[in-house]
Amino acid sequence: TGHPYPFFLAHPLQAELDAFDTLLGAPTEWQIEWKWDGIRAQLVRRADSAWLWSRGEELITERFPELSAMAEALPPGTVLDGEIVVWQDGRVQPFALLQQRIGRKTLNARV
């Protein structure tokens, strides 16, 4: 089936500042990413099916049909874990636009 893998969410590091290099390596070796204001999700592609799951393990595939359609191009066995955001006019749009999809079971052309 298309159940998600456990989500790995950020959490505070419970260590003294002088232990960071030992625990995490030198800051010059760190990689960071922007914290987008979206919906954390996993897209799971298996055989001829794809499922989109929220981090609360709610199936949200039907709320994002365009993502489900794009998943058809991925090879079976692919899992993408990331943030769903509204991308328009070359940039991420406010979370309020994304919220319009969260509670809907069906979508119209406007949403």
C-alpha atoms as a PDB file:
ATOM      1  CA  THR A   1       0.000   0.000   0.000  1.00  0.00           C
ATOM      2  CA  GLY A   2       0.992   3.643  -0.153  1.00  0.00           C
ATOM      3  CA  HIS A   3       1.430   4.445   3.538  1.00  0.00           C
ATOM      4  CA  PRO A   4       3.991   7.153   4.359  1.00  0.00           C
ATOM      5  CA  TYR A   5       7.322   6.651   6.047  1.00  0.00           C
ATOM      6  CA  PRO A   6       7.852   8.316   9.433  1.00  0.00           C
ATOM      7  CA  PHE A   7       8.374  12.061   9.065  1.00  0.00           C
ATOM      8  CA  PHE A   8      11.679  13.404  10.338  1.00  0.00           C
ATOM      9  CA  LEU A   9      10.876  16.793  11.824  1.00  0.00           C
ATOM     10  CA  ALA A  10      13.319  19.350  13.179  1.00  0.00           C
ATOM     11  CA  HIS A  11      13.761  19.596  16.921  1.00  0.00           C
ATOM     12  CA  PRO A  12      15.944  21.661  19.252  1.00  0.00           C
ATOM     13  CA  LEU A  13      19.424  20.341  19.940  1.00  0.00           C
ATOM     14  CA  GLN A  14      19.777  19.762  23.668  1.00  0.00           C
ATOM     15  CA  ALA A  15      23.504  20.427  24.000  1.00  0.00           C
ATOM     16  CA  GLU A  16      25.862  23.129  25.158  1.00  0.00           C
ATOM     17  CA  LEU A  17      27.116  25.499  22.459  1.00  0.00           C
ATOM     18  CA  ASP A  18      30.741  24.409  22.882  1.00  0.00           C
ATOM     19  CA  ALA A  19      29.709  20.795  22.023  1.00  0.00           C
ATOM     20  CA  PHE A  20      28.152  21.694  18.640  1.00  0.00           C
ATOM     21  CA  ASP A  21      31.331  21.159  16.585  1.00  0.00           C
ATOM     22  CA  THR A  22      31.835  17.713  18.099  1.00  0.00           C
ATOM     23  CA  LEU A  23      28.201  16.701  17.644  1.00  0.00           C
ATOM     24  CA  LEU A  24      27.424  18.365  14.308  1.00  0.00           C
ATOM     25  CA  GLY A  25      30.754  19.002  12.608  1.00  0.00           C
ATOM     26  CA  ALA A  26      32.190  22.381  11.703  1.00  0.00           C
ATOM     27  CA  PRO A  27      29.635  25.069  10.703  1.00  0.00           C
ATOM     28  CA  THR A  28      31.432  25.421   7.345  1.00  0.00           C
ATOM     29  CA  GLU A  29      30.180  21.896   6.558  1.00  0.00           C
ATOM     30  CA  TRP A  30      26.535  22.522   7.489  1.00  0.00           C
ATOM     31  CA  GLN A  31      23.730  22.753   4.957  1.00  0.00           C
ATOM     32  CA  ILE A  32      20.563  24.690   5.608  1.00  0.00           C
ATOM     33  CA  GLU A  33      17.305  25.188   3.790  1.00  0.00           C
ATOM     34  CA  TRP A  34      14.672  27.897   3.866  1.00  0.00           C
ATOM     35  CA  LYS A  35      11.687  27.277   6.139  1.00  0.00           C
ATOM     36  CA  TRP A  36       8.762  27.552   3.737  1.00  0.00           C
ATOM     37  CA  ASP A  37       5.292  28.245   5.080  1.00  0.00           C
ATOM     38  CA  GLY A  38       3.444  25.347   3.519  1.00  0.00           C
ATOM     39  CA  ILE A  39       2.125  21.864   4.215  1.00  0.00           C
ATOM     40  CA  ARG A  40       4.651  19.140   5.020  1.00  0.00           C
ATOM     41  CA  ALA A  41       3.828  16.091   2.936  1.00  0.00           C
ATOM     42  CA  GLN A  42       5.125  12.869   1.430  1.00  0.00           C
ATOM     43  CA  LEU A  43       4.393  11.748  -2.088  1.00  0.00           C
ATOM     44  CA  VAL A  44       4.648   7.953  -2.262  1.00  0.00           C
ATOM     45  CA  ARG A  45       4.791   6.313  -5.712  1.00  0.00           C
ATOM     46  CA  ARG A  46       4.376   2.546  -5.851  1.00  0.00           C
ATOM     47  CA  ALA A  47       3.548   0.416  -8.913  1.00  0.00           C
ATOM     48  CA  ASP A  48       0.856   2.305 -10.845  1.00  0.00           C
ATOM     49  CA  SER A  49      -0.385   4.414  -7.944  1.00  0.00           C
ATOM     50  CA  ALA A  50       0.632   7.507  -6.004  1.00  0.00           C
ATOM     51  CA  TRP A  51      -0.503   8.826  -2.646  1.00  0.00           C
ATOM     52  CA  LEU A  52       0.039  12.203  -1.012  1.00  0.00           C
ATOM     53  CA  TRP A  53       0.103  12.202   2.791  1.00  0.00           C
ATOM     54  CA  SER A  54       0.174  15.065   5.297  1.00  0.00           C
ATOM     55  CA  ARG A  55       2.581  14.822   8.221  1.00  0.00           C
ATOM     56  CA  GLY A  56      -0.446  13.931  10.366  1.00  0.00           C
ATOM     57  CA  GLU A  57      -0.809  10.869   8.097  1.00  0.00           C
ATOM     58  CA  GLU A  58      -3.970  12.205   6.485  1.00  0.00           C
ATOM     59  CA  LEU A  59      -4.420  11.157   2.863  1.00  0.00           C
ATOM     60  CA  ILE A  60      -4.601  14.414   0.851  1.00  0.00           C
ATOM     61  CA  THR A  61      -4.109  13.124  -2.704  1.00  0.00           C
ATOM     62  CA  GLU A  62      -7.510  14.337  -3.937  1.00  0.00           C
ATOM     63  CA  ARG A  63      -6.840  17.888  -2.699  1.00  0.00           C
ATOM     64  CA  PHE A  64      -3.769  18.207  -4.939  1.00  0.00           C
ATOM     65  CA  PRO A  65      -4.638  16.507  -8.253  1.00  0.00           C
ATOM     66  CA  GLU A  66      -1.838  18.300 -10.094  1.00  0.00           C
ATOM     67  CA  LEU A  67       0.746  16.721  -7.782  1.00  0.00           C
ATOM     68  CA  SER A  68      -0.854  13.326  -8.232  1.00  0.00           C
ATOM     69  CA  ALA A  69      -0.682  13.775 -12.016  1.00  0.00           C
ATOM     70  CA  MET A  70       3.002  14.766 -11.845  1.00  0.00           C
ATOM     71  CA  ALA A  71       3.721  11.660  -9.768  1.00  0.00           C
ATOM     72  CA  GLU A  72       2.906   9.510 -12.786  1.00  0.00           C
ATOM     73  CA  ALA A  73       6.248  10.597 -14.290  1.00  0.00           C
ATOM     74  CA  LEU A  74       8.178   9.264 -11.281  1.00  0.00           C
ATOM     75  CA  PRO A  75       9.524   5.720 -11.202  1.00  0.00           C
ATOM     76  CA  PRO A  76       7.787   3.251  -8.867  1.00  0.00           C
ATOM     77  CA  GLY A  77       9.437   3.187  -5.458  1.00  0.00           C
ATOM     78  CA  THR A  78       9.974   6.956  -5.324  1.00  0.00           C
ATOM     79  CA  VAL A  79       9.167   8.849  -2.117  1.00  0.00           C
ATOM     80  CA  LEU A  80       9.380  12.653  -2.002  1.00  0.00           C
ATOM     81  CA  ASP A  81       9.250  14.340   1.400  1.00  0.00           C
ATOM     82  CA  GLY A  82       8.890  18.102   1.436  1.00  0.00           C
ATOM     83  CA  GLU A  83       6.766  21.202   1.726  1.00  0.00           C
ATOM     84  CA  ILE A  84       3.766  21.898  -0.520  1.00  0.00           C
ATOM     85  CA  VAL A  85       3.625  25.613  -1.334  1.00  0.00           C
ATOM     86  CA  VAL A  86       1.767  27.791  -3.820  1.00  0.00           C
ATOM     87  CA  TRP A  87       4.252  28.915  -6.496  1.00  0.00           C
ATOM     88  CA  GLN A  88       2.997  31.751  -8.663  1.00  0.00           C
ATOM     89  CA  ASP A  89       4.627  34.666 -10.470  1.00  0.00           C
ATOM     90  CA  GLY A  90       8.084  33.273  -9.774  1.00  0.00           C
ATOM     91  CA  ARG A  91       7.767  33.086  -5.998  1.00  0.00           C
ATOM     92  CA  VAL A  92       6.082  31.371  -3.066  1.00  0.00           C
ATOM     93  CA  GLN A  93       2.683  32.840  -2.267  1.00  0.00           C
ATOM     94  CA  PRO A  94       1.051  33.364   1.153  1.00  0.00           C
ATOM     95  CA  PHE A  95      -0.015  30.308   3.116  1.00  0.00           C
ATOM     96  CA  ALA A  96      -3.625  31.586   3.031  1.00  0.00           C
ATOM     97  CA  LEU A  97      -3.838  30.515  -0.623  1.00  0.00           C
ATOM     98  CA  LEU A  98      -2.780  27.009   0.306  1.00  0.00           C
ATOM     99  CA  GLN A  99      -5.268  26.866   3.173  1.00  0.00           C
ATOM    100  CA  GLN A 100      -8.090  27.022   0.635  1.00  0.00           C
ATOM    101  CA  ARG A 101      -7.214  23.420  -0.290  1.00  0.00           C
ATOM    102  CA  ILE A 102      -6.842  21.935   3.177  1.00  0.00           C
ATOM    103  CA  GLY A 103     -10.502  21.446   4.066  1.00  0.00           C
ATOM    104  CA  ARG A 104     -11.868  20.771   0.587  1.00  0.00           C
ATOM    105  CA  LYS A 105     -12.877  17.356  -0.704  1.00  0.00           C
ATOM    106  CA  THR A 106     -13.457  18.637  -4.260  1.00  0.00           C
ATOM    107  CA  LEU A 107     -11.812  21.464  -6.146  1.00  0.00           C
ATOM    108  CA  ASN A 108     -13.225  23.961  -8.592  1.00  0.00           C
ATOM    109  CA  ALA A 109     -11.233  25.847 -11.244  1.00  0.00           C
ATOM    110  CA  ARG A 110     -10.749  28.856  -8.972  1.00  0.00           C
ATOM    111  CA  VAL A 111      -9.021  26.859  -6.204  1.00  0.00           C
END
